[in-house]
C-alpha atoms as a PDB file:
ATOM      1  CA  MET A   1      66.386 -25.854 111.752  1.00  0.00           C
ATOM      2  CA  ARG A   2      67.141 -29.446 110.823  1.00  0.00           C
ATOM      3  CA  GLN A   3      69.900 -29.691 108.214  1.00  0.00           C
ATOM      4  CA  THR A   4      69.430 -31.984 105.215  1.00  0.00           C
ATOM      5  CA  PRO A   5      72.069 -34.753 105.365  1.00  0.00           C
ATOM      6  CA  ASP A   6      74.627 -35.134 102.601  1.00  0.00           C
ATOM      7  CA  PHE A   7      74.464 -37.947 100.069  1.00  0.00           C
ATOM      8  CA  PRO A   8      75.901 -41.138 101.547  1.00  0.00           C
ATOM      9  CA  PHE A   9      79.012 -43.081 100.536  1.00  0.00           C
ATOM     10  CA  TYR A  10      80.426 -40.859  97.768  1.00  0.00           C
ATOM     11  CA  ASN A  11      82.802 -39.107 100.194  1.00  0.00           C
ATOM     12  CA  GLY A  12      83.463 -41.899 102.656  1.00  0.00           C
ATOM     13  CA  GLN A  13      80.538 -41.064 104.931  1.00  0.00           C
ATOM     14  CA  PRO A  14      79.124 -42.900 106.820  1.00  0.00           C
ATOM     15  CA  THR A  15      81.600 -45.428 105.387  1.00  0.00           C
ATOM     16  CA  SER A  16      83.652 -46.026 102.264  1.00  0.00           C
ATOM     17  CA  ILE A  17      82.627 -48.481  99.563  1.00  0.00           C
ATOM     18  CA  SER A  18      85.411 -49.886  97.392  1.00  0.00           C
ATOM     19  CA  GLY A  19      85.364 -49.866  93.621  1.00  0.00           C
ATOM     20  CA  LEU A  20      84.685 -53.597  93.669  1.00  0.00           C
ATOM     21  CA  GLY A  21      81.871 -52.987  96.130  1.00  0.00           C
ATOM     22  CA  TRP A  22      80.241 -50.486  93.777  1.00  0.00           C
ATOM     23  CA  LEU A  23      80.595 -52.938  90.872  1.00  0.00           C
ATOM     24  CA  LEU A  24      78.911 -55.659  92.924  1.00  0.00           C
ATOM     25  CA  LEU A  25      76.167 -53.225  93.861  1.00  0.00           C
ATOM     26  CA  ILE A  26      75.520 -52.289  90.229  1.00  0.00           C
ATOM     27  CA  ALA A  27      75.560 -55.978  89.296  1.00  0.00           C
ATOM     28  CA  SER A  28      72.933 -56.659  91.964  1.00  0.00           C
ATOM     29  CA  THR A  29      70.586 -54.101  90.385  1.00  0.00           C
ATOM     30  CA  GLY A  30      70.998 -55.785  87.012  1.00  0.00           C
ATOM     31  CA  LEU A  31      70.364 -59.213  88.533  1.00  0.00           C
ATOM     32  CA  ALA A  32      67.312 -57.890  90.380  1.00  0.00           C
ATOM     33  CA  PHE A  33      65.902 -56.518  87.125  1.00  0.00           C
ATOM     34  CA  TYR A  34      66.543 -59.839  85.386  1.00  0.00           C
ATOM     35  CA  LEU A  35      64.724 -61.733  88.138  1.00  0.00           C
ATOM     36  CA  LEU A  36      61.801 -59.325  87.830  1.00  0.00           C
ATOM     37  CA  THR A  37      61.458 -59.633  84.066  1.00  0.00           C
ATOM     38  CA  GLY A  38      63.162 -62.916  83.183  1.00  0.00           C
ATOM     39  CA  PRO A  39      61.933 -66.521  83.200  1.00  0.00           C
ATOM     40  CA  VAL A  40      63.792 -67.748  86.299  1.00  0.00           C
ATOM     41  CA  LEU A  41      60.989 -67.347  88.845  1.00  0.00           C
ATOM     42  CA  THR A  42      58.210 -68.471  86.503  1.00  0.00           C
ATOM     43  CA  VAL A  43      58.746 -72.030  87.779  1.00  0.00           C
ATOM     44  CA  LEU A  44      56.925 -70.896  90.932  1.00  0.00           C
ATOM     45  CA  PRO A  45      53.109 -70.687  91.145  1.00  0.00           C
ATOM     46  CA  GLY A  46      51.817 -67.492  89.527  1.00  0.00           C
ATOM     47  CA  LEU A  47      51.110 -65.339  92.577  1.00  0.00           C
ATOM     48  CA  LEU A  48      54.173 -66.568  94.481  1.00  0.00           C
ATOM     49  CA  ALA A  49      56.366 -65.862  91.449  1.00  0.00           C
ATOM     50  CA  ALA A  50      54.992 -62.326  91.112  1.00  0.00           C
ATOM     51  CA  TYR A  51      55.504 -61.460  94.775  1.00  0.00           C
ATOM     52  CA  SER A  52      58.929 -63.126  94.920  1.00  0.00           C
ATOM     53  CA  ALA A  53      60.116 -61.183  91.875  1.00  0.00           C
ATOM     54  CA  ALA A  54      58.861 -57.872  93.280  1.00  0.00           C
ATOM     55  CA  ILE A  55      60.377 -58.431  96.725  1.00  0.00           C
ATOM     56  CA  LEU A  56      63.720 -59.587  95.319  1.00  0.00           C
ATOM     57  CA  PHE A  57      63.743 -56.588  92.979  1.00  0.00           C
ATOM     58  CA  ALA A  58      63.850 -54.309  96.019  1.00  0.00           C
ATOM     59  CA  GLY A  59      65.543 -56.597  98.500  1.00  0.00           C
ATOM     60  CA  LEU A  60      68.515 -57.965  96.555  1.00  0.00           C
ATOM     61  CA  PRO A  61      70.215 -54.594  95.882  1.00  0.00           C
ATOM     62  CA  LEU A  62      69.502 -53.489  99.469  1.00  0.00           C
ATOM     63  CA  LEU A  63      71.116 -56.679 100.759  1.00  0.00           C
ATOM     64  CA  ALA A  64      74.114 -56.027  98.517  1.00  0.00           C
ATOM     65  CA  LEU A  65      74.309 -52.458  99.823  1.00  0.00           C
ATOM     66  CA  HIS A  66      74.189 -53.720 103.404  1.00  0.00           C
ATOM     67  CA  LEU A  67      77.093 -56.071 102.705  1.00  0.00           C
ATOM     68  CA  VAL A  68      79.392 -53.725 100.770  1.00  0.00           C
ATOM     69  CA  SER A  69      78.739 -50.818 103.155  1.00  0.00           C
ATOM     70  CA  LYS A  70      79.503 -52.954 106.222  1.00  0.00           C
ATOM     71  CA  GLY A  71      76.015 -52.615 107.659  1.00  0.00           C
ATOM     72  CA  HIS A  72      75.358 -48.972 106.710  1.00  0.00           C
ATOM     73  CA  GLY A  73      72.713 -49.711 104.085  1.00  0.00           C
ATOM     74  CA  THR A  74      70.084 -47.713 105.958  1.00  0.00           C
ATOM     75  CA  ALA A  75      71.999 -44.510 105.123  1.00  0.00           C
ATOM     76  CA  VAL A  76      69.828 -44.067 102.016  1.00  0.00           C
ATOM     77  CA  PHE A  77      66.742 -43.928 104.245  1.00  0.00           C
ATOM     78  CA  HIS A  78      65.666 -41.476 106.938  1.00  0.00           C
ATOM     79  CA  ARG A  79      62.680 -41.055 109.207  1.00  0.00           C
ATOM     80  CA  TYR A  80      59.393 -40.889 107.317  1.00  0.00           C
ATOM     81  CA  GLY A  81      56.622 -38.922 109.001  1.00  0.00           C
ATOM     82  CA  VAL A  82      53.690 -36.699 108.140  1.00  0.00           C
ATOM     83  CA  LYS A  83      55.925 -34.010 106.633  1.00  0.00           C
ATOM     84  CA  SER A  84      57.701 -36.584 104.484  1.00  0.00           C
ATOM     85  CA  LEU A  85      54.356 -37.956 103.335  1.00  0.00           C
ATOM     86  CA  GLY A  86      53.307 -34.454 102.349  1.00  0.00           C
ATOM     87  CA  ILE A  87      56.493 -34.018 100.327  1.00  0.00           C
ATOM     88  CA  SER A  88      55.864 -37.376  98.639  1.00  0.00           C
ATOM     89  CA  LEU A  89      52.325 -36.300  97.776  1.00  0.00           C
ATOM     90  CA  GLY A  90      53.543 -33.005  96.353  1.00  0.00           C
ATOM     91  CA  PHE A  91      56.158 -34.672  94.177  1.00  0.00           C
ATOM     92  CA  ALA A  92      53.629 -37.296  93.052  1.00  0.00           C
ATOM     93  CA  ILE A  93      51.309 -34.542  91.840  1.00  0.00           C
ATOM     94  CA  LEU A  94      54.233 -32.787  90.169  1.00  0.00           C
ATOM     95  CA  THR A  95      55.253 -36.062  88.508  1.00  0.00           C
ATOM     96  CA  ILE A  96      51.762 -36.590  87.114  1.00  0.00           C
ATOM     97  CA  CYS A  97      51.559 -33.009  85.833  1.00  0.00           C
ATOM     98  CA  ALA A  98      55.026 -33.069  84.251  1.00  0.00           C
ATOM     99  CA  SER A  99      54.593 -36.440  82.544  1.00  0.00           C
ATOM    100  CA  PHE A 100      51.124 -35.547  81.254  1.00  0.00           C
ATOM    101  CA  ALA A 101      52.431 -32.233  79.889  1.00  0.00           C
ATOM    102  CA  VAL A 102      55.214 -33.986  77.997  1.00  0.00           C
ATOM    103  CA  ALA A 103      52.797 -36.694  76.846  1.00  0.00           C
ATOM    104  CA  PHE A 104      50.423 -34.044  75.503  1.00  0.00           C
ATOM    105  CA  VAL A 105      53.205 -32.465  73.438  1.00  0.00           C
ATOM    106  CA  LEU A 106      54.590 -35.755  72.166  1.00  0.00           C
ATOM    107  CA  SER A 107      51.132 -37.088  71.307  1.00  0.00           C
ATOM    108  CA  ARG A 108      51.120 -34.596  68.441  1.00  0.00           C
ATOM    109  CA  VAL A 109      53.978 -36.359  66.711  1.00  0.00           C
ATOM    110  CA  PHE A 110      53.897 -40.050  67.631  1.00  0.00           C
ATOM    111  CA  THR A 111      51.702 -42.869  68.912  1.00  0.00           C
ATOM    112  CA  PHE A 112      51.995 -44.183  72.457  1.00  0.00           C
ATOM    113  CA  THR A 113      52.332 -47.832  73.422  1.00  0.00           C
ATOM    114  CA  ALA A 114      49.836 -48.901  76.085  1.00  0.00           C
ATOM    115  CA  ASN A 115      51.057 -50.311  79.382  1.00  0.00           C
ATOM    116  CA  PRO A 116      50.046 -54.013  79.565  1.00  0.00           C
ATOM    117  CA  SER A 117      48.888 -53.471  83.152  1.00  0.00           C
ATOM    118  CA  GLY A 118      45.880 -51.610  81.739  1.00  0.00           C
ATOM    119  CA  ASP A 119      44.491 -54.815  80.209  1.00  0.00           C
ATOM    120  CA  ALA A 120      45.257 -56.735  83.403  1.00  0.00           C
ATOM    121  CA  LEU A 121      43.400 -54.196  85.543  1.00  0.00           C
ATOM    122  CA  ALA A 122      40.453 -54.121  83.150  1.00  0.00           C
ATOM    123  CA  GLY A 123      40.067 -57.861  83.495  1.00  0.00           C
ATOM    124  CA  THR A 124      40.216 -58.120  87.265  1.00  0.00           C
ATOM    125  CA  ASP A 125      37.955 -57.386  90.238  1.00  0.00           C
ATOM    126  CA  GLY A 126      38.426 -55.485  93.479  1.00  0.00           C
ATOM    127  CA  TRP A 127      40.339 -58.315  95.128  1.00  0.00           C
ATOM    128  CA  GLY A 128      42.582 -58.575  92.089  1.00  0.00           C
ATOM    129  CA  LEU A 129      43.234 -54.840  92.289  1.00  0.00           C
ATOM    130  CA  ALA A 130      44.232 -55.167  95.951  1.00  0.00           C
ATOM    131  CA  ILE A 131      46.682 -57.951  95.075  1.00  0.00           C
ATOM    132  CA  PHE A 132      48.054 -55.937  92.168  1.00  0.00           C
ATOM    133  CA  LEU A 133      48.610 -52.855  94.335  1.00  0.00           C
ATOM    134  CA  SER A 134      50.230 -54.812  97.163  1.00  0.00           C
ATOM    135  CA  ARG A 135      52.631 -56.473  94.723  1.00  0.00           C
ATOM    136  CA  THR A 136      53.528 -53.247  92.970  1.00  0.00           C
ATOM    137  CA  PHE A 137      54.178 -51.647  96.377  1.00  0.00           C
ATOM    138  CA  PHE A 138      57.374 -53.709  96.598  1.00  0.00           C
ATOM    139  CA  GLN A 139      58.178 -53.315  92.914  1.00  0.00           C
ATOM    140  CA  LEU A 140      57.935 -49.523  93.016  1.00  0.00           C
ATOM    141  CA  ILE A 141      60.225 -49.357  96.035  1.00  0.00           C
ATOM    142  CA  GLY A 142      62.554 -51.555  94.009  1.00  0.00           C
ATOM    143  CA  GLU A 143      62.426 -49.130  91.093  1.00  0.00           C
ATOM    144  CA  GLU A 144      63.646 -46.400  93.424  1.00  0.00           C
ATOM    145  CA  VAL A 145      66.373 -48.618  94.846  1.00  0.00           C
ATOM    146  CA  VAL A 146      67.732 -49.673  91.441  1.00  0.00           C
ATOM    147  CA  THR A 147      67.742 -46.038  90.304  1.00  0.00           C
ATOM    148  CA  ILE A 148      69.156 -44.241  93.341  1.00  0.00           C
ATOM    149  CA  LEU A 149      71.947 -46.744  94.038  1.00  0.00           C
ATOM    150  CA  PRO A 150      73.428 -46.334  90.516  1.00  0.00           C
ATOM    151  CA  LEU A 151      73.070 -42.563  90.977  1.00  0.00           C
ATOM    152  CA  LEU A 152      75.221 -42.777  94.111  1.00  0.00           C
ATOM    153  CA  ALA A 153      77.697 -45.059  92.327  1.00  0.00           C
ATOM    154  CA  VAL A 154      78.164 -42.585  89.472  1.00  0.00           C
ATOM    155  CA  LEU A 155      78.421 -39.725  91.980  1.00  0.00           C
ATOM    156  CA  TRP A 156      81.195 -41.601  93.816  1.00  0.00           C
ATOM    157  CA  PHE A 157      83.041 -42.427  90.590  1.00  0.00           C
ATOM    158  CA  CYS A 158      82.911 -38.878  89.255  1.00  0.00           C
ATOM    159  CA  VAL A 159      84.064 -37.308  92.524  1.00  0.00           C
ATOM    160  CA  GLN A 160      86.618 -39.859  93.694  1.00  0.00           C
ATOM    161  CA  LYS A 161      88.007 -41.156  90.391  1.00  0.00           C
ATOM    162  CA  LEU A 162      87.493 -38.277  87.948  1.00  0.00           C
ATOM    163  CA  ASN A 163      87.993 -35.488  90.520  1.00  0.00           C
ATOM    164  CA  LEU A 164      84.929 -33.621  89.299  1.00  0.00           C
ATOM    165  CA  SER A 165      83.073 -31.103  91.420  1.00  0.00           C
ATOM    166  CA  LYS A 166      80.126 -32.409  93.409  1.00  0.00           C
ATOM    167  CA  GLY A 167      77.689 -30.330  91.331  1.00  0.00           C
ATOM    168  CA  LEU A 168      78.943 -31.613  87.971  1.00  0.00           C
ATOM    169  CA  ALA A 169      79.202 -35.158  89.296  1.00  0.00           C
ATOM    170  CA  LEU A 170      75.627 -35.015  90.548  1.00  0.00           C
ATOM    171  CA  THR A 171      74.413 -33.733  87.172  1.00  0.00           C
ATOM    172  CA  ILE A 172      76.095 -36.640  85.393  1.00  0.00           C
ATOM    173  CA  ALA A 173      74.740 -39.097  87.984  1.00  0.00           C
ATOM    174  CA  VAL A 174      71.175 -37.851  87.465  1.00  0.00           C
ATOM    175  CA  ILE A 175      71.480 -38.159  83.677  1.00  0.00           C
ATOM    176  CA  VAL A 176      72.916 -41.690  83.828  1.00  0.00           C
ATOM    177  CA  SER A 177      70.410 -42.962  86.410  1.00  0.00           C
ATOM    178  CA  THR A 178      67.505 -41.401  84.510  1.00  0.00           C
ATOM    179  CA  ALA A 179      68.625 -43.073  81.278  1.00  0.00           C
ATOM    180  CA  TRP A 180      68.940 -46.398  83.121  1.00  0.00           C
ATOM    181  CA  PHE A 181      65.448 -46.043  84.592  1.00  0.00           C
ATOM    182  CA  ALA A 182      63.950 -45.188  81.211  1.00  0.00           C
ATOM    183  CA  ALA A 183      65.776 -48.080  79.539  1.00  0.00           C
ATOM    184  CA  MET A 184      64.348 -50.531  82.088  1.00  0.00           C
ATOM    185  CA  HIS A 185      60.881 -49.681  80.784  1.00  0.00           C
ATOM    186  CA  LEU A 186      61.681 -50.320  77.112  1.00  0.00           C
ATOM    187  CA  PRO A 187      60.485 -53.968  77.095  1.00  0.00           C
ATOM    188  CA  THR A 188      57.231 -52.945  78.815  1.00  0.00           C
ATOM    189  CA  TYR A 189      56.473 -50.340  76.161  1.00  0.00           C
ATOM    190  CA  ASP A 190      57.512 -52.416  73.134  1.00  0.00           C
ATOM    191  CA  TRP A 191      60.837 -50.578  72.778  1.00  0.00           C
ATOM    192  CA  ASN A 192      59.180 -47.220  72.232  1.00  0.00           C
ATOM    193  CA  TYR A 193      62.280 -45.085  72.830  1.00  0.00           C
ATOM    194  CA  LEU A 194      60.643 -41.692  72.619  1.00  0.00           C
ATOM    195  CA  GLN A 195      57.934 -42.661  75.078  1.00  0.00           C
ATOM    196  CA  CYS A 196      60.370 -44.180  77.573  1.00  0.00           C
ATOM    197  CA  PHE A 197      63.061 -41.519  77.428  1.00  0.00           C
ATOM    198  CA  GLY A 198      60.636 -38.629  76.928  1.00  0.00           C
ATOM    199  CA  ILE A 199      57.655 -39.279  79.179  1.00  0.00           C
ATOM    200  CA  ILE A 200      59.020 -41.805  81.659  1.00  0.00           C
ATOM    201  CA  GLY A 201      62.360 -39.999  81.734  1.00  0.00           C
ATOM    202  CA  THR A 202      60.561 -36.779  82.669  1.00  0.00           C
ATOM    203  CA  ALA A 203      58.693 -38.527  85.482  1.00  0.00           C
ATOM    204  CA  ARG A 204      61.984 -39.990  86.669  1.00  0.00           C
ATOM    205  CA  LEU A 205      63.612 -36.567  86.881  1.00  0.00           C
ATOM    206  CA  VAL A 206      60.845 -35.345  89.189  1.00  0.00           C
ATOM    207  CA  LEU A 207      61.033 -38.448  91.367  1.00  0.00           C
ATOM    208  CA  THR A 208      64.809 -38.139  91.568  1.00  0.00           C
ATOM    209  CA  ALA A 209      64.370 -34.510  92.606  1.00  0.00           C
ATOM    210  CA  ALA A 210      62.383 -35.783  95.589  1.00  0.00           C
ATOM    211  CA  TYR A 211      65.425 -37.790  96.674  1.00  0.00           C
ATOM    212  CA  LEU A 212      67.864 -34.969  95.931  1.00  0.00           C
ATOM    213  CA  LEU A 213      65.834 -32.574  98.062  1.00  0.00           C
ATOM    214  CA  THR A 214      65.434 -34.874 101.060  1.00  0.00           C
ATOM    215  CA  ARG A 215      68.236 -37.483 100.673  1.00  0.00           C
ATOM    216  CA  ASN A 216      65.511 -39.900 101.791  1.00  0.00           C
ATOM    217  CA  LEU A 217      64.678 -42.824  99.535  1.00  0.00           C
ATOM    218  CA  TRP A 218      61.389 -43.302 101.391  1.00  0.00           C
ATOM    219  CA  VAL A 219      60.232 -39.903 100.097  1.00  0.00           C
ATOM    220  CA  SER A 220      60.931 -40.642  96.425  1.00  0.00           C
ATOM    221  CA  ALA A 221      59.484 -44.153  96.861  1.00  0.00           C
ATOM    222  CA  GLY A 222      56.356 -42.651  98.435  1.00  0.00           C
ATOM    223  CA  ALA A 223      55.979 -40.232  95.525  1.00  0.00           C
ATOM    224  CA  HIS A 224      56.466 -43.088  93.061  1.00  0.00           C
ATOM    225  CA  ILE A 225      53.855 -45.264  94.763  1.00  0.00           C
ATOM    226  CA  ILE A 226      51.291 -42.455  94.973  1.00  0.00           C
ATOM    227  CA  ASN A 227      51.888 -41.555  91.317  1.00  0.00           C
ATOM    228  CA  ASP A 228      51.597 -45.078  89.934  1.00  0.00           C
ATOM    229  CA  TRP A 229      48.799 -46.214  92.226  1.00  0.00           C
ATOM    230  CA  SER A 230      46.767 -43.166  91.201  1.00  0.00           C
ATOM    231  CA  ILE A 231      47.137 -44.192  87.569  1.00  0.00           C
ATOM    232  CA  PHE A 232      46.356 -47.841  88.323  1.00  0.00           C
ATOM    233  CA  ILE A 233      43.233 -47.002  90.333  1.00  0.00           C
ATOM    234  CA  PHE A 234      42.045 -44.511  87.721  1.00  0.00           C
ATOM    235  CA  THR A 235      42.533 -47.162  85.024  1.00  0.00           C
ATOM    236  CA  PHE A 236      40.650 -49.756  87.075  1.00  0.00           C
ATOM    237  CA  VAL A 237      37.734 -47.441  87.859  1.00  0.00           C
ATOM    238  CA  GLY A 238      37.548 -46.240  84.250  1.00  0.00           C
ATOM    239  CA  SER A 239      37.495 -49.763  82.845  1.00  0.00           C
ATOM    240  CA  HIS A 240      34.761 -50.848  85.280  1.00  0.00           C
ATOM    241  CA  ALA A 241      32.540 -47.779  85.041  1.00  0.00           C
ATOM    242  CA  PRO A 242      28.992 -48.471  83.853  1.00  0.00           C
ATOM    243  CA  ILE A 243      28.396 -47.604  80.209  1.00  0.00           C
ATOM    244  CA  GLU A 244      25.371 -45.496  79.479  1.00  0.00           C
ATOM    245  CA  ALA A 245      23.074 -46.771  76.731  1.00  0.00           C
END
């Protein structure tokens, strides 16, 4: 039976990353998020700016990881086959169910803020949907990268610097990375804290569980893409459905 590999880097395997290296890695995730959401790339033509921002969002932290890990950046990825795709699909379904369950409960006490992508999808055609999905493919991989890398950084810090047990360190790492992921969505949802930390935070916990189970960032990225694309396609189809008289 194939053994699940351990988490990389926190214990010096497959290589050690220095404290400065981890700081640079965390800084790269912040810079990647700024490039995705900030005005820097808006000087480029619209479609080029959108694709550049999405690709840099995923690529910049991975490049930083490659540099600080002395070429071992692929340690966060493993082979992705049919079984891995099935696991991604299962976690995507679980993510949808969990987030909808929390949304149903919270809808009793507060009002949600709509995702702006809903209006964009309602106003586009099939070709526009294809462009939107292809762009978000890179962005959603980036969302996994900028969540899992901080998780590994906190895991390293708690084990190596605070001498905590691996289990406690991992718990803290999951909490911190989940909070970071939820906070990244605050501008998108008009700073609706309960929605971001309640609903999106719940979805994040399930997606992180996909990585914790497999130690394979491709699996959690696959689950994330399936989850979000399902919502995007459902929104597109619903907004373009014929209206009965």
